[in-house]
Amino acid sequence: MAAIPLRVIPLGGVGEIGKNLMVLEYDRDILVIDAGLMFPDSEMLGIDLVYPDITYLTDRADRVQAVILTHGHEDHIGALPYLLKYLDVPVYATPLTRGLAEVKLKEAGLLADAELHTITPDDVLQLGCFTVEFFHVCHSIPDAVGVAVTTPVGLVIHASDYKFDQQPVDGKLTDVAKLRALGDRGVLLLLSDSTNADTEGFTPSEQRVTEALDSIMDAAPGRVIVATFASNISRIQQVINVARRYGRRVGVVGRTMVNNVRMAINLGYLDIAHEDLLSTSDMNNLRREQVVIVCTGSQGEPTSVLARLAGEEHPQLQVLPSDTVVLSATPIPGNEEMVNHIVDDLFRLGADVIYHDLADVHVSGHGSREDHKLMLSLTRPRFFMPMHGEYRHLILHSRTARATGIPPEHIVITESGRVTEVWPDAIRPGERVSDGHVLVDGLSVGEIGEAVLRDRRHLSRDGFLVAIVALNPATGEVVADPEILTRGFVYVGESEDLMEGAKDRMWEVLKTPATGSSVRNKIKDTLSQYCYQRTGRRPLILPLVVEV
């Protein structure tokens, strides 16, 4: 066994959907693959986005050689501005991925200082002790690549997000020949996407979406509004292609999507001229059967274009009864409720709404079980670590790996924040180096912790009660009747008996003169017990002692 192992450290994206960030560390060299974000789950009240905890990297900033970006989706590049605020390292990406990253860095005011490099699947990089190669993969965005890293202990393949689509939008197939050649060289460790590990067969081709859009535009009596991810350049091209067949023109709405589309046109990734895109004025004034609108909001984001249209809050566009609205995405786990609300509101406005349960308006960019088997058979790794998925996906992917002949002891199921150590002839779990994530709440990044979320959950369930008492600071005696304010617990005007009982309990506490924290603690404990006895609920009790 070699003296020094390769340390494989997912700081995000393993045991969860999103915030993908993989670290490869050997001796004093560190390589980072992807820097993505995650959308908050239903328990993260008020949180906008979730970033990986990069403390492990910032503590070793002088050892980080580079960041490699595999493709331009938010769950792979969304945290790049946050990472580059703390790490002065070069970033390598294919042209479209770099363009999407530049849009994000420009919005964050970091583009001028960022060191960005463009790569192609044929490039080879020497980054510290790591020799890095690339191979093209099909995904739901052009210019996606997997990464092959030759390390001092052996060859590691980071397959990123992939599928073996035989009819991709851009015509570029997953590079099977290169994957087979890498397998012939001998792959020590395969890191492979597990998102669709519970889905049988091969993931359908993007061509199925084209066929669905064709049927929709053929039948639509008025405008067609298509909501998708702002970075889904392939889907936008599909919409453009189908719209042309039916004599329709396309316009794009949503700041991030507009910026991404402009960049993609400039780089040649979208087959449309800037001047051919509709303005919002055109969208309103052209005959409705001539118009297609592409916008953000497929995940029900509250500030997205589709959400504002559904809420009749968009300043320039309104949903019309003749409109056909297409949600060309599957809801990310946790977003289903928001998406359902928007769908209902659009139906109320008279639109015809088509979503993934009704037609093939979206296919996954992630491989299913047969895709996984093909990746495993091409690369033939000695060791295997499933990534990019919730824990059940990792387990199911590991079963597929065992079915292809990988021994159970050569498979490691891990989670974000835990080290795996790899030698040429052994693999074993290591220590945990990170337990958390960084929460983004408005302009606050990392300032919201579990204590705040716990209070928010408490408030959302039971509301709060403020107990106000004025005391003489010298004697500790009460100088005015106590007051009670409440929100989200009960309505004071309709709960006079409850409030009077609460005041009586406060007077019992205040019979004995006292000051400071002792009074606050007694009031809090007494009212907490009283409220639970009377209502079966535990509002957040906030005693306010005013010294007069």
Protein backbone atom coordinates (compact mmCIF):
# COMPACT_ATOMS: atom_id res chain seq x y z
CA MET A 1 0.00 0.00 0.00
CA ALA A 2 1.35 3.42 -0.97
CA ALA A 3 2.26 5.65 1.92
CA ILE A 4 0.03 8.54 0.82
CA PRO A 5 -3.57 7.92 -0.31
CA LEU A 6 -5.64 10.00 -2.68
CA ARG A 7 -8.29 11.77 -0.61
CA VAL A 8 -11.67 12.09 -2.32
CA ILE A 9 -13.87 14.64 -0.54
CA PRO A 10 -17.36 15.58 -1.75
CA LEU A 11 -18.19 18.88 -0.05
CA GLY A 12 -21.62 18.69 -1.68
CA GLY A 13 -23.70 16.65 -4.08
CA VAL A 14 -23.49 13.24 -2.39
CA GLY A 15 -26.53 12.11 -0.43
CA GLU A 16 -28.39 15.19 -1.72
CA ILE A 17 -29.54 16.80 -4.96
CA GLY A 18 -27.46 19.84 -5.84
CA LYS A 19 -24.47 21.88 -4.56
CA ASN A 20 -22.07 19.57 -6.34
CA LEU A 21 -18.45 20.12 -5.33
CA MET A 22 -15.85 17.35 -5.44
CA VAL A 23 -12.33 17.66 -4.04
CA LEU A 24 -9.38 15.46 -5.02
CA GLU A 25 -6.41 15.83 -2.69
CA TYR A 26 -3.00 14.21 -2.88
CA ASP A 27 -0.22 15.28 -0.53
CA ARG A 28 -0.23 19.10 -0.83
CA ASP A 29 -2.17 19.39 -4.12
CA ILE A 30 -5.93 19.94 -4.27
CA LEU A 31 -8.16 19.88 -7.36
CA VAL A 32 -11.78 21.08 -7.22
CA ILE A 33 -14.41 19.80 -9.66
CA ASP A 34 -17.55 21.97 -9.88
CA ALA A 35 -18.92 24.52 -7.44
CA GLY A 36 -22.70 24.30 -7.44
CA LEU A 37 -25.61 25.49 -5.35
CA MET A 38 -28.77 23.81 -4.11
CA PHE A 39 -32.31 25.05 -3.76
CA PRO A 40 -33.57 25.07 -0.15
CA ASP A 41 -35.85 22.35 1.14
CA SER A 42 -39.21 23.02 2.74
CA GLU A 43 -37.67 23.21 6.23
CA MET A 44 -35.31 26.06 5.27
CA LEU A 45 -37.86 28.82 5.73
CA GLY A 46 -36.92 32.11 4.10
CA ILE A 47 -33.72 30.73 2.58
CA ASP A 48 -33.07 31.55 -1.08
CA LEU A 49 -30.10 29.32 -1.94
CA VAL A 50 -27.71 26.86 -0.32
CA TYR A 51 -23.95 26.80 -0.96
CA PRO A 52 -21.42 24.12 0.01
CA ASP A 53 -19.37 24.76 3.13
CA ILE A 54 -15.89 25.45 1.67
CA THR A 55 -14.05 25.91 4.97
CA TYR A 56 -11.91 22.86 4.17
CA LEU A 57 -10.69 24.66 1.03
CA THR A 58 -10.26 28.13 2.51
CA ASP A 59 -8.13 26.63 5.28
CA ARG A 60 -5.87 25.18 2.55
CA ALA A 61 -6.21 27.96 -0.03
CA ASP A 62 -2.53 27.90 -1.03
CA ARG A 63 -2.82 24.23 -2.01
CA VAL A 64 -5.81 24.52 -4.39
CA GLN A 65 -4.51 24.17 -7.96
CA ALA A 66 -7.68 24.92 -9.92
CA VAL A 67 -11.43 24.58 -10.27
CA ILE A 68 -12.75 22.47 -13.16
CA LEU A 69 -16.35 23.11 -14.28
CA THR A 70 -18.05 20.20 -16.03
CA HIS A 71 -21.08 22.11 -17.37
CA GLY A 72 -23.14 25.24 -16.88
CA HIS A 73 -26.06 24.20 -14.70
CA GLU A 74 -26.64 26.04 -11.42
CA ASP A 75 -26.00 22.94 -9.33
CA HIS A 76 -22.48 22.85 -10.81
CA ILE A 77 -21.50 26.53 -11.22
CA GLY A 78 -23.96 28.44 -9.02
CA ALA A 79 -21.60 28.71 -6.04
CA LEU A 80 -18.58 29.78 -8.12
CA PRO A 81 -18.91 33.49 -7.17
CA TYR A 82 -18.99 32.51 -3.50
CA LEU A 83 -15.96 30.24 -3.87
CA LEU A 84 -13.92 32.83 -5.80
CA LYS A 85 -14.53 35.42 -3.09
CA TYR A 86 -12.25 33.35 -0.88
CA LEU A 87 -10.00 31.44 -3.30
CA ASP A 88 -7.74 33.06 -5.90
CA VAL A 89 -7.50 30.08 -8.25
CA PRO A 90 -7.79 29.51 -12.02
CA VAL A 91 -11.05 28.15 -13.40
CA TYR A 92 -11.19 25.85 -16.45
CA ALA A 93 -14.35 25.32 -18.49
CA THR A 94 -15.61 24.67 -22.02
CA PRO A 95 -16.72 27.79 -23.98
CA LEU A 96 -20.43 27.73 -23.11
CA THR A 97 -19.80 26.78 -19.48
CA ARG A 98 -17.29 29.60 -19.22
CA GLY A 99 -19.79 32.01 -20.76
CA LEU A 100 -22.47 31.04 -18.23
CA ALA A 101 -19.94 31.35 -15.41
CA GLU A 102 -18.94 34.80 -16.65
CA VAL A 103 -22.58 35.93 -16.52
CA LYS A 104 -22.75 34.88 -12.86
CA LEU A 105 -19.41 36.43 -11.96
CA LYS A 106 -20.32 39.69 -13.68
CA GLU A 107 -23.56 39.89 -11.69
CA ALA A 108 -21.50 39.35 -8.51
CA GLY A 109 -18.91 41.98 -9.48
CA LEU A 110 -16.11 39.38 -9.57
CA LEU A 111 -15.49 38.91 -13.29
CA ALA A 112 -12.65 41.43 -13.61
CA ASP A 113 -10.50 39.60 -11.07
CA ALA A 114 -11.35 36.03 -12.09
CA GLU A 115 -8.81 33.88 -13.93
CA LEU A 116 -10.86 31.92 -16.46
CA HIS A 117 -9.49 29.50 -19.05
CA THR A 118 -11.31 27.85 -21.96
CA ILE A 119 -10.77 24.14 -22.58
CA THR A 120 -11.96 21.60 -25.14
CA PRO A 121 -12.48 17.84 -24.72
CA ASP A 122 -9.11 17.30 -26.44
CA ASP A 123 -7.08 19.34 -23.95
CA VAL A 124 -4.74 17.92 -21.32
CA LEU A 125 -3.86 20.02 -18.26
CA GLN A 126 -1.07 19.55 -15.74
CA LEU A 127 -2.28 20.94 -12.41
CA GLY A 128 0.16 20.14 -9.64
CA CYS A 129 0.47 16.38 -9.45
CA PHE A 130 -2.77 15.91 -11.41
CA THR A 131 -2.95 15.32 -15.17
CA VAL A 132 -6.44 16.28 -16.27
CA GLU A 133 -8.21 15.12 -19.45
CA PHE A 134 -11.78 15.56 -20.64
CA PHE A 135 -14.43 13.65 -22.58
CA HIS A 136 -17.68 14.98 -24.04
CA VAL A 137 -20.94 13.77 -22.47
CA CYS A 138 -24.57 14.26 -23.46
CA HIS A 139 -26.58 16.22 -20.93
CA SER A 140 -29.42 18.73 -21.09
CA ILE A 141 -26.96 21.50 -21.91
CA PRO A 142 -24.26 21.74 -24.61
CA ASP A 143 -20.54 21.63 -23.86
CA ALA A 144 -20.81 19.21 -20.94
CA VAL A 145 -17.72 17.15 -20.16
CA GLY A 146 -16.58 14.43 -17.83
CA VAL A 147 -13.13 14.62 -16.26
CA ALA A 148 -10.37 11.99 -16.20
CA VAL A 149 -7.66 12.73 -13.63
CA THR A 150 -4.40 10.81 -13.54
CA THR A 151 -3.21 10.92 -9.92
CA PRO A 152 -0.12 9.40 -8.27
CA VAL A 153 -2.24 6.43 -7.17
CA GLY A 154 -4.13 5.85 -10.43
CA LEU A 155 -6.73 7.12 -12.90
CA VAL A 156 -9.92 8.66 -11.51
CA ILE A 157 -12.95 9.33 -13.71
CA HIS A 158 -15.46 11.97 -12.63
CA ALA A 159 -18.30 11.28 -15.06
CA SER A 160 -20.36 14.30 -13.94
CA ASP A 161 -23.97 14.36 -15.27
CA TYR A 162 -24.43 12.29 -18.41
CA LYS A 163 -26.62 10.07 -20.52
CA PHE A 164 -26.09 8.13 -23.73
CA ASP A 165 -28.49 10.10 -25.94
CA GLN A 166 -28.50 8.90 -29.57
CA GLN A 167 -30.27 12.06 -30.82
CA PRO A 168 -28.89 15.00 -28.82
CA VAL A 169 -29.96 18.53 -29.75
CA ASP A 170 -26.44 19.57 -30.73
CA GLY A 171 -25.71 16.27 -32.53
CA LYS A 172 -22.72 15.46 -30.29
CA LEU A 173 -22.81 11.99 -28.73
CA THR A 174 -21.23 10.96 -25.46
CA ASP A 175 -17.65 10.02 -26.35
CA VAL A 176 -17.89 6.25 -26.03
CA ALA A 177 -14.56 5.66 -27.77
CA LYS A 178 -12.65 7.82 -25.31
CA LEU A 179 -14.39 6.22 -22.34
CA ARG A 180 -13.44 2.79 -23.67
CA ALA A 181 -9.85 3.93 -24.17
CA LEU A 182 -9.74 5.22 -20.59
CA GLY A 183 -11.06 1.87 -19.44
CA ASP A 184 -8.33 0.10 -21.40
CA ARG A 185 -5.72 2.21 -19.56
CA GLY A 186 -7.11 1.02 -16.24
CA VAL A 187 -9.50 3.08 -14.13
CA LEU A 188 -8.81 3.06 -10.40
CA LEU A 189 -11.96 4.90 -9.30
CA LEU A 190 -15.20 5.89 -11.04
CA LEU A 191 -17.34 8.69 -9.61
CA SER A 192 -20.70 8.54 -11.39
CA ASP A 193 -24.00 10.45 -11.32
CA SER A 194 -26.78 8.58 -9.50
CA THR A 195 -29.77 10.92 -9.94
CA ASN A 196 -31.86 8.44 -11.95
CA ALA A 197 -30.64 5.25 -10.30
CA ASP A 198 -34.25 4.32 -9.53
CA THR A 199 -35.32 4.51 -13.20
CA GLU A 200 -35.17 1.47 -15.46
CA GLY A 201 -33.83 1.47 -19.02
CA PHE A 202 -32.00 4.23 -20.86
CA THR A 203 -33.05 7.84 -20.31
CA PRO A 204 -35.12 8.97 -23.33
CA SER A 205 -33.60 11.20 -25.97
CA GLU A 206 -34.12 14.96 -26.09
CA GLN A 207 -35.80 14.29 -29.44
CA ARG A 208 -38.92 13.29 -27.50
CA VAL A 209 -39.24 16.86 -26.23
CA THR A 210 -38.97 18.21 -29.77
CA GLU A 211 -41.85 15.97 -30.81
CA ALA A 212 -43.97 17.13 -27.86
CA LEU A 213 -43.28 20.81 -28.57
CA ASP A 214 -44.18 20.21 -32.22
CA SER A 215 -47.60 18.82 -31.26
CA ILE A 216 -48.22 21.65 -28.80
CA MET A 217 -47.39 24.46 -31.23
CA ASP A 218 -49.41 22.79 -33.98
CA ALA A 219 -52.51 22.80 -31.77
CA ALA A 220 -52.03 26.05 -29.82
CA PRO A 221 -54.62 28.72 -30.79
CA GLY A 222 -52.60 31.62 -29.37
CA ARG A 223 -49.26 32.35 -27.80
CA VAL A 224 -47.07 29.56 -26.44
CA ILE A 225 -45.20 30.33 -23.22
CA VAL A 226 -42.41 27.88 -22.36
CA ALA A 227 -40.84 27.96 -18.90
CA THR A 228 -37.48 26.28 -18.41
CA PHE A 229 -34.17 26.75 -16.61
CA ALA A 230 -32.29 29.91 -17.53
CA SER A 231 -29.23 27.81 -18.38
CA ASN A 232 -31.07 25.23 -20.50
CA ILE A 233 -29.62 26.41 -23.80
CA SER A 234 -30.48 23.14 -25.56
CA ARG A 235 -34.16 23.45 -24.65
CA ILE A 236 -34.26 27.06 -25.86
CA GLN A 237 -32.81 25.91 -29.20
CA GLN A 238 -35.47 23.22 -29.45
CA VAL A 239 -38.17 25.84 -28.91
CA ILE A 240 -36.61 28.07 -31.60
CA ASN A 241 -36.42 25.19 -34.09
CA VAL A 242 -40.04 24.14 -33.60
CA ALA A 243 -41.32 27.73 -33.62
CA ARG A 244 -39.76 28.29 -37.04
CA ARG A 245 -41.66 25.35 -38.48
CA TYR A 246 -44.94 26.99 -37.49
CA GLY A 247 -44.09 30.53 -38.55
CA ARG A 248 -43.71 31.70 -34.97
CA ARG A 249 -41.13 34.10 -33.57
CA VAL A 250 -39.45 33.68 -30.19
CA GLY A 251 -38.82 36.14 -27.37
CA VAL A 252 -37.03 35.61 -24.07
CA VAL A 253 -38.07 37.10 -20.71
CA GLY A 254 -36.20 37.01 -17.39
CA ARG A 255 -32.96 38.83 -16.59
CA THR A 256 -30.73 35.79 -16.16
CA MET A 257 -32.21 33.98 -19.16
CA VAL A 258 -31.82 37.07 -21.35
CA ASN A 259 -28.17 37.40 -20.32
CA ASN A 260 -27.54 33.70 -20.96
CA VAL A 261 -29.23 33.80 -24.37
CA ARG A 262 -27.24 36.84 -25.47
CA MET A 263 -24.02 35.12 -24.44
CA ALA A 264 -24.98 31.85 -26.16
CA ILE A 265 -25.82 33.69 -29.41
CA ASN A 266 -22.48 35.51 -29.31
CA LEU A 267 -20.64 32.21 -28.86
CA GLY A 268 -22.61 30.46 -31.60
CA TYR A 269 -24.51 28.05 -29.34
CA LEU A 270 -27.93 29.35 -30.37
CA ASP A 271 -29.03 29.48 -33.99
CA ILE A 272 -30.83 32.80 -33.93
CA ALA A 273 -29.82 36.43 -34.43
CA HIS A 274 -30.20 39.03 -31.70
CA GLU A 275 -32.47 41.12 -33.88
CA ASP A 276 -34.79 38.16 -34.48
CA LEU A 277 -35.72 37.90 -30.79
CA LEU A 278 -39.04 39.48 -29.88
CA SER A 279 -39.28 42.43 -27.52
CA THR A 280 -42.04 42.50 -24.92
CA SER A 281 -43.83 45.02 -27.14
CA ASP A 282 -43.72 42.52 -30.03
CA MET A 283 -45.06 39.80 -27.75
CA ASN A 284 -48.11 41.93 -27.03
CA ASN A 285 -48.68 43.40 -30.51
CA LEU A 286 -48.04 40.55 -32.95
CA ARG A 287 -50.82 38.12 -33.76
CA ARG A 288 -50.96 35.65 -30.90
CA GLU A 289 -50.44 32.61 -33.12
CA GLN A 290 -47.10 34.12 -34.21
CA VAL A 291 -45.59 34.38 -30.72
CA VAL A 292 -43.56 32.04 -28.52
CA ILE A 293 -42.25 33.30 -25.17
CA VAL A 294 -39.46 31.51 -23.29
CA CYS A 295 -39.15 32.46 -19.64
CA THR A 296 -37.87 31.43 -16.22
CA GLY A 297 -40.01 29.86 -13.51
CA SER A 298 -40.20 26.14 -14.21
CA GLN A 299 -39.39 25.45 -10.54
CA GLY A 300 -41.99 27.83 -9.14
CA GLU A 301 -39.43 30.39 -7.97
CA PRO A 302 -41.44 33.24 -6.35
CA THR A 303 -39.65 36.06 -8.21
CA SER A 304 -39.50 34.32 -11.60
CA VAL A 305 -41.32 35.53 -14.70
CA LEU A 306 -43.79 32.64 -14.68
CA ALA A 307 -44.68 33.22 -11.01
CA ARG A 308 -45.32 36.90 -11.69
CA LEU A 309 -47.42 36.05 -14.73
CA ALA A 310 -49.46 33.56 -12.71
CA GLY A 311 -49.96 36.18 -9.99
CA GLU A 312 -50.85 38.90 -12.52
CA GLU A 313 -47.89 40.92 -11.27
CA HIS A 314 -45.73 41.23 -14.40
CA PRO A 315 -45.49 44.88 -15.50
CA GLN A 316 -45.45 44.20 -19.26
CA LEU A 317 -47.08 40.83 -19.93
CA GLN A 318 -50.34 39.18 -18.92
CA VAL A 319 -51.54 35.63 -19.39
CA LEU A 320 -54.42 35.46 -21.88
CA PRO A 321 -57.14 32.78 -22.04
CA SER A 322 -55.84 31.68 -25.46
CA ASP A 323 -52.29 31.13 -24.17
CA THR A 324 -50.70 27.69 -23.88
CA VAL A 325 -48.16 27.48 -21.04
CA VAL A 326 -45.56 24.70 -21.07
CA LEU A 327 -43.51 23.85 -17.97
CA SER A 328 -40.52 22.20 -19.63
CA ALA A 329 -38.90 20.79 -16.50
CA THR A 330 -39.56 18.30 -13.73
CA PRO A 331 -39.87 19.88 -10.27
CA ILE A 332 -36.76 19.52 -8.15
CA PRO A 333 -37.64 17.63 -4.92
CA GLY A 334 -39.01 20.20 -2.50
CA ASN A 335 -40.34 22.53 -5.21
CA GLU A 336 -43.46 20.55 -6.07
CA GLU A 337 -45.84 22.63 -3.94
CA MET A 338 -44.70 25.96 -5.42
CA VAL A 339 -44.98 24.56 -8.95
CA ASN A 340 -48.47 23.21 -8.28
CA HIS A 341 -49.65 26.60 -7.00
CA ILE A 342 -48.43 28.30 -10.16
CA VAL A 343 -50.07 25.68 -12.38
CA ASP A 344 -53.39 26.20 -10.56
CA ASP A 345 -53.15 29.99 -10.89
CA LEU A 346 -52.41 29.74 -14.61
CA PHE A 347 -55.44 27.51 -15.11
CA ARG A 348 -57.55 30.07 -13.20
CA LEU A 349 -56.44 32.72 -15.69
CA GLY A 350 -57.83 30.57 -18.51
CA ALA A 351 -54.55 29.31 -19.95
CA ASP A 352 -54.00 25.74 -21.09
CA VAL A 353 -51.13 24.44 -18.97
CA ILE A 354 -49.02 21.48 -20.07
CA TYR A 355 -46.51 19.96 -17.67
CA HIS A 356 -44.48 16.78 -17.32
CA ASP A 357 -47.41 14.63 -16.11
CA LEU A 358 -49.44 15.48 -19.24
CA ALA A 359 -46.86 15.32 -22.05
CA ASP A 360 -43.19 14.64 -22.72
CA VAL A 361 -42.27 18.31 -22.40
CA HIS A 362 -39.17 17.41 -20.42
CA VAL A 363 -36.79 14.49 -20.36
CA SER A 364 -34.04 14.08 -17.84
CA GLY A 365 -30.45 14.90 -18.68
CA HIS A 366 -29.34 12.20 -16.26
CA GLY A 367 -28.69 8.62 -17.18
CA SER A 368 -30.89 5.80 -15.93
CA ARG A 369 -29.88 2.25 -14.97
CA GLU A 370 -28.91 1.10 -18.46
CA ASP A 371 -26.85 4.28 -18.92
CA HIS A 372 -25.12 3.46 -15.63
CA LYS A 373 -24.41 -0.09 -16.75
CA LEU A 374 -22.91 1.16 -19.99
CA MET A 375 -20.66 3.66 -18.18
CA LEU A 376 -19.49 0.93 -15.81
CA SER A 377 -18.83 -1.53 -18.65
CA LEU A 378 -16.87 1.03 -20.67
CA THR A 379 -14.66 2.22 -17.81
CA ARG A 380 -14.37 -1.07 -15.87
CA PRO A 381 -13.20 0.63 -12.64
CA ARG A 382 -11.44 -1.16 -9.79
CA PHE A 383 -13.32 0.96 -7.24
CA PHE A 384 -16.66 2.75 -7.47
CA MET A 385 -18.24 5.68 -5.63
CA PRO A 386 -21.77 6.78 -6.62
CA MET A 387 -22.38 10.53 -6.36
CA HIS A 388 -24.97 13.18 -7.31
CA GLY A 389 -28.11 11.87 -5.70
CA GLU A 390 -29.98 11.34 -2.49
CA TYR A 391 -28.91 8.43 -0.31
CA ARG A 392 -31.40 5.99 -1.83
CA HIS A 393 -29.99 6.77 -5.29
CA LEU A 394 -26.47 5.98 -4.10
CA ILE A 395 -27.60 2.63 -2.72
CA LEU A 396 -29.45 1.71 -5.90
CA HIS A 397 -26.51 2.76 -8.08
CA SER A 398 -24.19 0.62 -5.97
CA ARG A 399 -26.46 -2.37 -6.59
CA THR A 400 -26.15 -1.78 -10.33
CA ALA A 401 -22.37 -1.68 -9.93
CA ARG A 402 -22.39 -4.97 -8.06
CA ALA A 403 -24.52 -6.49 -10.83
CA THR A 404 -21.80 -5.55 -13.35
CA GLY A 405 -19.15 -7.40 -11.33
CA ILE A 406 -17.66 -4.85 -8.93
CA PRO A 407 -17.15 -6.52 -5.54
CA PRO A 408 -19.11 -4.96 -2.65
CA GLU A 409 -15.88 -4.22 -0.76
CA HIS A 410 -14.73 -2.09 -3.72
CA ILE A 411 -17.77 0.19 -3.48
CA VAL A 412 -17.96 3.12 -1.08
CA ILE A 413 -21.25 4.81 -0.17
CA THR A 414 -20.42 8.16 1.38
CA GLU A 415 -22.05 11.52 2.07
CA SER A 416 -21.11 15.14 1.62
CA GLY A 417 -18.36 16.23 3.96
CA ARG A 418 -16.78 12.80 4.48
CA VAL A 419 -13.33 11.76 3.19
CA THR A 420 -12.68 8.57 1.24
CA GLU A 421 -9.05 7.43 1.04
CA VAL A 422 -7.91 5.55 -2.06
CA TRP A 423 -4.70 3.55 -2.66
CA PRO A 424 -3.86 1.52 -5.78
CA ASP A 425 -5.12 -1.61 -4.05
CA ALA A 426 -7.48 -0.37 -1.32
CA ILE A 427 -10.27 2.06 -0.56
CA ARG A 428 -11.68 3.00 2.83
CA PRO A 429 -13.79 5.69 4.53
CA GLY A 430 -11.95 8.52 6.25
CA GLU A 431 -12.87 11.27 8.66
CA ARG A 432 -15.63 13.85 8.35
CA VAL A 433 -14.34 17.33 7.48
CA SER A 434 -17.59 19.25 6.98
CA ASP A 435 -21.04 18.95 8.52
CA GLY A 436 -22.90 21.73 6.91
CA HIS A 437 -23.73 24.18 4.25
CA VAL A 438 -23.93 27.94 3.81
CA LEU A 439 -27.39 29.49 3.67
CA VAL A 440 -28.18 32.49 1.50
CA ASP A 441 -31.00 34.72 2.78
CA GLY A 442 -31.34 37.87 0.69
CA LEU A 443 -28.03 39.70 0.99
CA SER A 444 -27.00 37.55 3.95
CA VAL A 445 -24.57 34.75 3.10
CA GLY A 446 -23.66 32.36 5.88
CA GLU A 447 -25.14 34.47 8.67
CA ILE A 448 -28.26 32.35 9.09
CA GLY A 449 -27.68 29.22 11.16
CA GLU A 450 -29.71 26.37 12.58
CA ALA A 451 -30.83 28.43 15.58
CA VAL A 452 -32.51 30.99 13.30
CA LEU A 453 -34.12 28.26 11.19
CA ARG A 454 -35.38 26.57 14.34
CA ASP A 455 -37.01 29.84 15.47
CA ARG A 456 -38.54 30.32 12.02
CA ARG A 457 -40.00 26.81 12.09
CA HIS A 458 -41.30 27.46 15.59
CA LEU A 459 -42.90 30.74 14.51
CA SER A 460 -44.43 29.16 11.42
CA ARG A 461 -46.13 26.50 13.51
CA ASP A 462 -47.23 28.32 16.66
CA GLY A 463 -46.61 32.05 16.23
CA PHE A 464 -45.27 34.24 19.03
CA LEU A 465 -46.41 36.07 22.14
CA VAL A 466 -44.76 39.18 23.53
CA ALA A 467 -45.26 39.87 27.26
CA ILE A 468 -44.43 43.47 28.21
CA VAL A 469 -43.97 44.62 31.79
CA ALA A 470 -42.69 47.94 33.16
CA LEU A 471 -40.63 47.82 36.37
CA ASN A 472 -39.09 50.33 38.71
CA PRO A 473 -35.35 49.57 38.39
CA ALA A 474 -34.67 50.56 41.98
CA THR A 475 -37.39 48.54 43.71
CA GLY A 476 -38.31 45.92 41.11
CA GLU A 477 -42.00 46.80 41.52
CA VAL A 478 -44.48 46.87 38.64
CA VAL A 479 -45.39 50.44 37.61
CA ALA A 480 -48.04 49.67 34.94
CA ASP A 481 -50.40 46.89 33.90
CA PRO A 482 -48.64 44.17 31.87
CA GLU A 483 -49.45 44.03 28.14
CA ILE A 484 -49.54 41.10 25.77
CA LEU A 485 -49.09 41.19 21.99
CA THR A 486 -49.38 38.14 19.80
CA ARG A 487 -49.07 37.23 16.10
CA GLY A 488 -49.73 33.85 14.53
CA PHE A 489 -50.84 32.34 17.86
CA VAL A 490 -54.37 33.63 18.52
CA TYR A 491 -56.26 36.75 17.56
CA VAL A 492 -56.33 38.87 20.70
CA GLY A 493 -59.77 40.39 19.99
CA GLU A 494 -61.36 36.93 19.91
CA SER A 495 -59.35 35.42 22.81
CA GLU A 496 -59.92 37.86 25.66
CA ASP A 497 -60.26 35.12 28.27
CA LEU A 498 -56.98 33.56 27.20
CA MET A 499 -55.16 36.91 27.30
CA GLU A 500 -56.64 37.87 30.67
CA GLY A 501 -55.56 34.52 32.04
CA ALA A 502 -52.05 35.13 30.73
CA LYS A 503 -51.97 38.52 32.46
CA ASP A 504 -53.12 36.91 35.72
CA ARG A 505 -50.23 34.44 35.48
CA MET A 506 -47.84 37.34 34.92
CA TRP A 507 -49.15 39.13 38.02
CA GLU A 508 -48.51 35.99 40.06
CA VAL A 509 -44.90 36.01 38.89
CA LEU A 510 -44.57 39.75 39.59
CA LYS A 511 -45.84 39.60 43.18
CA THR A 512 -42.26 39.11 44.27
CA PRO A 513 -40.15 42.13 43.24
CA ALA A 514 -37.27 41.16 40.95
CA THR A 515 -35.26 42.57 38.07
CA GLY A 516 -33.42 41.56 34.92
CA SER A 517 -33.16 38.05 33.57
CA SER A 518 -34.83 36.37 36.54
CA VAL A 519 -38.12 38.12 35.76
CA ARG A 520 -37.87 37.35 32.05
CA ASN A 521 -37.15 33.66 32.67
CA LYS A 522 -40.02 33.30 35.14
CA ILE A 523 -42.48 34.99 32.77
CA LYS A 524 -41.31 32.86 29.86
CA ASP A 525 -41.64 29.58 31.77
CA THR A 526 -45.00 30.46 33.29
CA LEU A 527 -46.60 31.65 30.04
CA SER A 528 -45.19 28.72 28.08
CA GLN A 529 -46.84 26.27 30.47
CA TYR A 530 -50.08 28.28 30.51
CA CYS A 531 -50.37 28.52 26.71
CA TYR A 532 -49.75 24.82 26.27
CA GLN A 533 -52.32 23.92 28.95
CA ARG A 534 -54.97 26.15 27.34
CA THR A 535 -54.28 25.56 23.64
CA GLY A 536 -51.95 22.57 23.21
CA ARG A 537 -49.54 24.87 21.35
CA ARG A 538 -46.21 26.41 22.27
CA PRO A 539 -45.80 29.92 20.82
CA LEU A 540 -42.43 31.58 21.00
CA ILE A 541 -42.56 33.58 24.25
CA LEU A 542 -40.69 36.90 24.22
CA PRO A 543 -40.71 38.64 27.63
CA LEU A 544 -39.92 42.34 27.40
CA VAL A 545 -39.01 44.02 30.68
CA VAL A 546 -38.94 47.82 30.46
CA GLU A 547 -37.26 49.70 33.30
CA VAL A 548 -39.07 52.98 33.96
